[in-house]
Amino acid sequence: MDAQVKKGLVDICVLASLSRGDSYGWQIIKDIGTVMELSESTLYPVLKRLENAKLVITYEVPHNGRLRRYFQITDDGRNRLREFKSEQEAIVRVHRYILDAIIDEGEEK
């Protein structure tokens, strides 16, 4: 996947993952890994950015003698997901336009 396209989708994928329930870094990477490759070095700056934007909050829970940081989506984060969903119609139109150009490329005009 192109890096610029991926960059635009990672935040939304993280919010989508957290909309299913609170989670921690490794589990988020595993969950999102079903649709795109994601590394720790990519995830943690995204989580920090989402936290600064008040789209997620964090809390810590003891686990095997140490604290594990969990992330939870906020109401603002859920609103951002709803906004993304409403933007999909426009995105699909652009996608179809591009695909039509690729299909037409091989045909005589």
N, C-alpha and C. Protein backbone atom coordinates (compact mmCIF):
# COMPACT_ATOMS: atom_id res chain seq x y z
N MET A 1 0.85 -1.18 0.00
CA MET A 1 0.00 0.00 0.00
C MET A 1 0.89 1.24 0.00
N ASP A 2 0.53 2.22 -0.80
CA ASP A 2 1.27 3.47 -0.87
C ASP A 2 1.33 4.13 0.51
N ALA A 3 2.49 4.66 0.86
CA ALA A 3 2.70 5.23 2.19
C ALA A 3 1.75 6.38 2.49
N GLN A 4 1.46 7.24 1.52
CA GLN A 4 0.57 8.38 1.75
C GLN A 4 -0.87 7.91 1.97
N VAL A 5 -1.29 6.94 1.20
CA VAL A 5 -2.64 6.39 1.39
C VAL A 5 -2.74 5.74 2.76
N LYS A 6 -1.72 4.96 3.10
CA LYS A 6 -1.71 4.27 4.40
C LYS A 6 -1.76 5.28 5.53
N LYS A 7 -0.97 6.36 5.42
CA LYS A 7 -0.92 7.36 6.47
C LYS A 7 -2.30 7.93 6.76
N GLY A 8 -3.08 8.13 5.70
CA GLY A 8 -4.41 8.68 5.89
C GLY A 8 -5.39 7.71 6.51
N LEU A 9 -5.08 6.42 6.46
CA LEU A 9 -6.01 5.41 6.98
C LEU A 9 -5.63 4.85 8.34
N VAL A 10 -4.40 5.00 8.75
CA VAL A 10 -3.96 4.39 10.01
C VAL A 10 -4.74 4.94 11.20
N ASP A 11 -4.91 6.25 11.28
CA ASP A 11 -5.65 6.84 12.40
C ASP A 11 -7.05 6.25 12.48
N ILE A 12 -7.72 6.18 11.34
CA ILE A 12 -9.08 5.66 11.31
C ILE A 12 -9.10 4.17 11.68
N CYS A 13 -8.13 3.41 11.22
CA CYS A 13 -8.05 1.99 11.58
C CYS A 13 -7.85 1.82 13.08
N VAL A 14 -7.03 2.66 13.69
CA VAL A 14 -6.82 2.58 15.15
C VAL A 14 -8.13 2.90 15.87
N LEU A 15 -8.80 3.96 15.44
CA LEU A 15 -10.08 4.30 16.07
C LEU A 15 -11.10 3.17 15.87
N ALA A 16 -11.12 2.57 14.68
CA ALA A 16 -12.04 1.47 14.43
C ALA A 16 -11.73 0.29 15.34
N SER A 17 -10.46 -0.01 15.51
CA SER A 17 -10.06 -1.09 16.41
C SER A 17 -10.53 -0.81 17.83
N LEU A 18 -10.31 0.41 18.29
CA LEU A 18 -10.69 0.76 19.66
C LEU A 18 -12.21 0.88 19.83
N SER A 19 -12.93 1.10 18.75
CA SER A 19 -14.39 1.15 18.85
C SER A 19 -14.96 -0.22 19.22
N ARG A 20 -14.17 -1.26 19.00
CA ARG A 20 -14.59 -2.62 19.34
C ARG A 20 -14.29 -2.96 20.81
N GLY A 21 -13.50 -2.10 21.45
CA GLY A 21 -13.17 -2.31 22.86
C GLY A 21 -11.79 -1.76 23.18
N ASP A 22 -11.56 -1.44 24.44
CA ASP A 22 -10.27 -0.93 24.88
C ASP A 22 -9.19 -1.95 24.54
N SER A 23 -7.99 -1.45 24.26
CA SER A 23 -6.92 -2.36 23.86
C SER A 23 -5.57 -1.73 24.15
N TYR A 24 -4.53 -2.52 23.94
CA TYR A 24 -3.15 -2.08 24.16
C TYR A 24 -2.38 -2.26 22.85
N GLY A 25 -1.20 -1.68 22.78
CA GLY A 25 -0.44 -1.60 21.55
C GLY A 25 -0.30 -2.87 20.75
N TRP A 26 0.23 -3.92 21.36
CA TRP A 26 0.46 -5.16 20.62
C TRP A 26 -0.83 -5.71 20.04
N GLN A 27 -1.91 -5.66 20.83
CA GLN A 27 -3.19 -6.19 20.37
C GLN A 27 -3.74 -5.34 19.22
N ILE A 28 -3.57 -4.03 19.29
CA ILE A 28 -4.02 -3.15 18.20
C ILE A 28 -3.27 -3.50 16.92
N ILE A 29 -1.96 -3.69 17.02
CA ILE A 29 -1.16 -4.08 15.86
C ILE A 29 -1.67 -5.39 15.28
N LYS A 30 -1.94 -6.34 16.14
CA LYS A 30 -2.45 -7.65 15.69
C LYS A 30 -3.81 -7.50 15.01
N ASP A 31 -4.70 -6.73 15.61
CA ASP A 31 -6.04 -6.54 15.05
C ASP A 31 -5.99 -5.85 13.69
N ILE A 32 -5.23 -4.79 13.58
CA ILE A 32 -5.15 -4.04 12.32
C ILE A 32 -4.36 -4.83 11.28
N GLY A 33 -3.48 -5.71 11.75
CA GLY A 33 -2.68 -6.52 10.84
C GLY A 33 -3.49 -7.38 9.89
N THR A 34 -4.76 -7.56 10.18
CA THR A 34 -5.62 -8.32 9.28
C THR A 34 -5.96 -7.53 8.02
N VAL A 35 -5.78 -6.20 8.06
CA VAL A 35 -6.10 -5.37 6.88
C VAL A 35 -4.92 -4.56 6.36
N MET A 36 -3.92 -4.31 7.21
CA MET A 36 -2.73 -3.59 6.76
C MET A 36 -1.57 -3.85 7.69
N GLU A 37 -0.37 -3.76 7.15
CA GLU A 37 0.83 -3.95 7.96
C GLU A 37 1.03 -2.71 8.83
N LEU A 38 1.32 -2.94 10.11
CA LEU A 38 1.49 -1.85 11.06
C LEU A 38 2.57 -2.24 12.05
N SER A 39 3.53 -1.33 12.26
CA SER A 39 4.62 -1.60 13.21
C SER A 39 4.44 -0.75 14.46
N GLU A 40 5.18 -1.11 15.51
CA GLU A 40 5.16 -0.32 16.74
C GLU A 40 5.62 1.10 16.48
N SER A 41 6.63 1.25 15.63
CA SER A 41 7.18 2.58 15.36
C SER A 41 6.18 3.47 14.62
N THR A 42 5.21 2.87 13.98
CA THR A 42 4.13 3.63 13.34
C THR A 42 2.99 3.85 14.33
N LEU A 43 2.63 2.81 15.07
CA LEU A 43 1.46 2.88 15.95
C LEU A 43 1.59 3.89 17.06
N TYR A 44 2.69 3.88 17.80
CA TYR A 44 2.75 4.70 19.00
C TYR A 44 2.70 6.20 18.73
N PRO A 45 3.33 6.72 17.68
CA PRO A 45 3.12 8.14 17.36
C PRO A 45 1.66 8.45 16.98
N VAL A 46 1.00 7.50 16.32
CA VAL A 46 -0.42 7.67 15.98
C VAL A 46 -1.25 7.74 17.25
N LEU A 47 -1.00 6.82 18.18
CA LEU A 47 -1.74 6.84 19.44
C LEU A 47 -1.52 8.13 20.21
N LYS A 48 -0.29 8.62 20.21
CA LYS A 48 0.00 9.88 20.90
C LYS A 48 -0.74 11.04 20.24
N ARG A 49 -0.75 11.05 18.90
CA ARG A 49 -1.46 12.10 18.16
C ARG A 49 -2.97 12.04 18.45
N LEU A 50 -3.52 10.83 18.48
CA LEU A 50 -4.95 10.67 18.78
C LEU A 50 -5.26 11.09 20.21
N GLU A 51 -4.34 10.80 21.12
CA GLU A 51 -4.53 11.22 22.51
C GLU A 51 -4.48 12.74 22.63
N ASN A 52 -3.52 13.36 21.96
CA ASN A 52 -3.42 14.83 22.00
C ASN A 52 -4.65 15.50 21.40
N ALA A 53 -5.27 14.82 20.42
CA ALA A 53 -6.47 15.35 19.78
C ALA A 53 -7.74 15.00 20.56
N LYS A 54 -7.57 14.33 21.71
CA LYS A 54 -8.69 13.93 22.57
C LYS A 54 -9.62 12.91 21.90
N LEU A 55 -9.07 12.13 20.97
CA LEU A 55 -9.85 11.09 20.32
C LEU A 55 -9.73 9.76 21.04
N VAL A 56 -8.67 9.62 21.86
CA VAL A 56 -8.49 8.46 22.73
C VAL A 56 -7.97 8.94 24.08
N ILE A 57 -8.21 8.12 25.08
CA ILE A 57 -7.61 8.35 26.40
C ILE A 57 -6.86 7.08 26.78
N THR A 58 -5.96 7.20 27.76
CA THR A 58 -5.19 6.04 28.20
C THR A 58 -5.39 5.79 29.69
N TYR A 59 -5.18 4.57 30.06
CA TYR A 59 -5.15 4.20 31.47
C TYR A 59 -4.25 2.97 31.58
N GLU A 60 -3.77 2.69 32.78
CA GLU A 60 -2.86 1.58 32.98
C GLU A 60 -3.48 0.53 33.90
N VAL A 61 -3.15 -0.73 33.60
CA VAL A 61 -3.65 -1.87 34.36
C VAL A 61 -2.47 -2.78 34.65
N PRO A 62 -2.32 -3.24 35.91
CA PRO A 62 -1.24 -4.19 36.21
C PRO A 62 -1.41 -5.48 35.40
N HIS A 63 -0.29 -5.96 34.86
CA HIS A 63 -0.30 -7.20 34.09
C HIS A 63 1.06 -7.87 34.24
N ASN A 64 1.09 -9.05 34.80
CA ASN A 64 2.34 -9.80 35.01
C ASN A 64 3.42 -8.97 35.70
N GLY A 65 3.03 -8.26 36.74
CA GLY A 65 3.99 -7.51 37.54
C GLY A 65 4.41 -6.16 36.97
N ARG A 66 3.79 -5.73 35.91
CA ARG A 66 4.10 -4.40 35.37
C ARG A 66 2.81 -3.76 34.87
N LEU A 67 2.88 -2.49 34.55
CA LEU A 67 1.69 -1.78 34.09
C LEU A 67 1.58 -1.87 32.57
N ARG A 68 0.40 -2.18 32.11
CA ARG A 68 0.12 -2.22 30.67
C ARG A 68 -0.78 -1.02 30.36
N ARG A 69 -0.40 -0.24 29.37
CA ARG A 69 -1.18 0.93 28.98
C ARG A 69 -2.27 0.52 28.00
N TYR A 70 -3.49 0.86 28.35
CA TYR A 70 -4.64 0.62 27.50
C TYR A 70 -5.12 1.93 26.89
N PHE A 71 -5.73 1.80 25.74
CA PHE A 71 -6.26 2.95 25.02
C PHE A 71 -7.76 2.76 24.87
N GLN A 72 -8.49 3.86 25.02
CA GLN A 72 -9.95 3.83 24.95
C GLN A 72 -10.41 4.97 24.04
N ILE A 73 -11.32 4.68 23.13
CA ILE A 73 -11.84 5.70 22.24
C ILE A 73 -12.77 6.63 23.03
N THR A 74 -12.74 7.91 22.70
CA THR A 74 -13.62 8.88 23.35
C THR A 74 -14.83 9.15 22.45
N ASP A 75 -15.76 9.94 22.97
CA ASP A 75 -16.91 10.34 22.15
C ASP A 75 -16.44 11.10 20.91
N ASP A 76 -15.42 11.95 21.06
CA ASP A 76 -14.87 12.67 19.90
C ASP A 76 -14.29 11.68 18.89
N GLY A 77 -13.65 10.62 19.37
CA GLY A 77 -13.12 9.60 18.48
C GLY A 77 -14.23 8.88 17.73
N ARG A 78 -15.31 8.58 18.42
CA ARG A 78 -16.46 7.95 17.76
C ARG A 78 -17.08 8.90 16.73
N ASN A 79 -17.12 10.18 17.06
CA ASN A 79 -17.62 11.16 16.09
C ASN A 79 -16.74 11.21 14.86
N ARG A 80 -15.42 11.10 15.05
CA ARG A 80 -14.50 11.09 13.90
C ARG A 80 -14.75 9.88 13.02
N LEU A 81 -15.03 8.73 13.62
CA LEU A 81 -15.37 7.54 12.84
C LEU A 81 -16.65 7.76 12.03
N ARG A 82 -17.65 8.40 12.65
CA ARG A 82 -18.90 8.68 11.94
C ARG A 82 -18.65 9.64 10.77
N GLU A 83 -17.80 10.65 10.99
CA GLU A 83 -17.45 11.58 9.91
C GLU A 83 -16.78 10.83 8.76
N PHE A 84 -15.86 9.93 9.11
CA PHE A 84 -15.19 9.15 8.07
C PHE A 84 -16.20 8.33 7.27
N LYS A 85 -17.14 7.73 7.97
CA LYS A 85 -18.16 6.93 7.29
C LYS A 85 -18.96 7.79 6.31
N SER A 86 -19.30 9.01 6.72
CA SER A 86 -20.07 9.88 5.83
C SER A 86 -19.24 10.37 4.64
N GLU A 87 -17.92 10.40 4.80
CA GLU A 87 -17.03 10.81 3.71
C GLU A 87 -16.85 9.70 2.67
N GLN A 88 -17.24 8.49 3.00
CA GLN A 88 -16.99 7.34 2.13
C GLN A 88 -17.65 7.46 0.76
N GLU A 89 -18.81 8.09 0.68
CA GLU A 89 -19.47 8.23 -0.61
C GLU A 89 -18.58 8.98 -1.58
N ALA A 90 -17.98 10.06 -1.13
CA ALA A 90 -17.08 10.84 -1.99
C ALA A 90 -15.83 10.03 -2.33
N ILE A 91 -15.31 9.30 -1.37
CA ILE A 91 -14.12 8.48 -1.60
C ILE A 91 -14.41 7.39 -2.63
N VAL A 92 -15.57 6.77 -2.53
CA VAL A 92 -15.94 5.72 -3.47
C VAL A 92 -16.06 6.29 -4.88
N ARG A 93 -16.62 7.51 -5.03
CA ARG A 93 -16.71 8.15 -6.35
C ARG A 93 -15.33 8.36 -6.96
N VAL A 94 -14.38 8.82 -6.16
CA VAL A 94 -13.01 9.02 -6.64
C VAL A 94 -12.39 7.68 -7.03
N HIS A 95 -12.60 6.69 -6.21
CA HIS A 95 -12.06 5.36 -6.46
C HIS A 95 -12.60 4.81 -7.79
N ARG A 96 -13.90 4.95 -8.01
CA ARG A 96 -14.51 4.48 -9.26
C ARG A 96 -13.93 5.23 -10.46
N TYR A 97 -13.74 6.53 -10.31
CA TYR A 97 -13.17 7.35 -11.38
C TYR A 97 -11.79 6.83 -11.77
N ILE A 98 -10.98 6.54 -10.77
CA ILE A 98 -9.62 6.03 -11.02
C ILE A 98 -9.69 4.65 -11.67
N LEU A 99 -10.51 3.77 -11.14
CA LEU A 99 -10.62 2.42 -11.70
C LEU A 99 -11.15 2.46 -13.14
N ASP A 100 -12.10 3.34 -13.41
CA ASP A 100 -12.61 3.48 -14.78
C ASP A 100 -11.50 3.91 -15.73
N ALA A 101 -10.61 4.77 -15.29
CA ALA A 101 -9.50 5.21 -16.13
C ALA A 101 -8.55 4.06 -16.42
N ILE A 102 -8.32 3.22 -15.44
CA ILE A 102 -7.42 2.07 -15.61
C ILE A 102 -8.05 1.07 -16.57
N ILE A 103 -9.33 0.82 -16.44
CA ILE A 103 -10.02 -0.11 -17.34
C ILE A 103 -10.06 0.46 -18.75
N ASP A 104 -10.35 1.75 -18.90
CA ASP A 104 -10.43 2.39 -20.22
C ASP A 104 -9.07 2.44 -20.91
N GLU A 105 -8.01 2.45 -20.14
CA GLU A 105 -6.65 2.55 -20.68
C GLU A 105 -6.36 1.42 -21.66
N GLY A 106 -6.87 0.23 -21.38
CA GLY A 106 -6.61 -0.92 -22.23
C GLY A 106 -7.55 -1.04 -23.41
N GLU A 107 -8.57 -0.20 -23.48
CA GLU A 107 -9.55 -0.27 -24.56
C GLU A 107 -9.32 0.83 -25.59
N GLU A 108 -9.70 0.54 -26.81
CA GLU A 108 -9.61 1.56 -27.85
C GLU A 108 -10.74 2.56 -27.68
N LYS A 109 -10.41 3.81 -27.96
CA LYS A 109 -11.44 4.86 -27.84
C LYS A 109 -11.85 5.36 -29.18
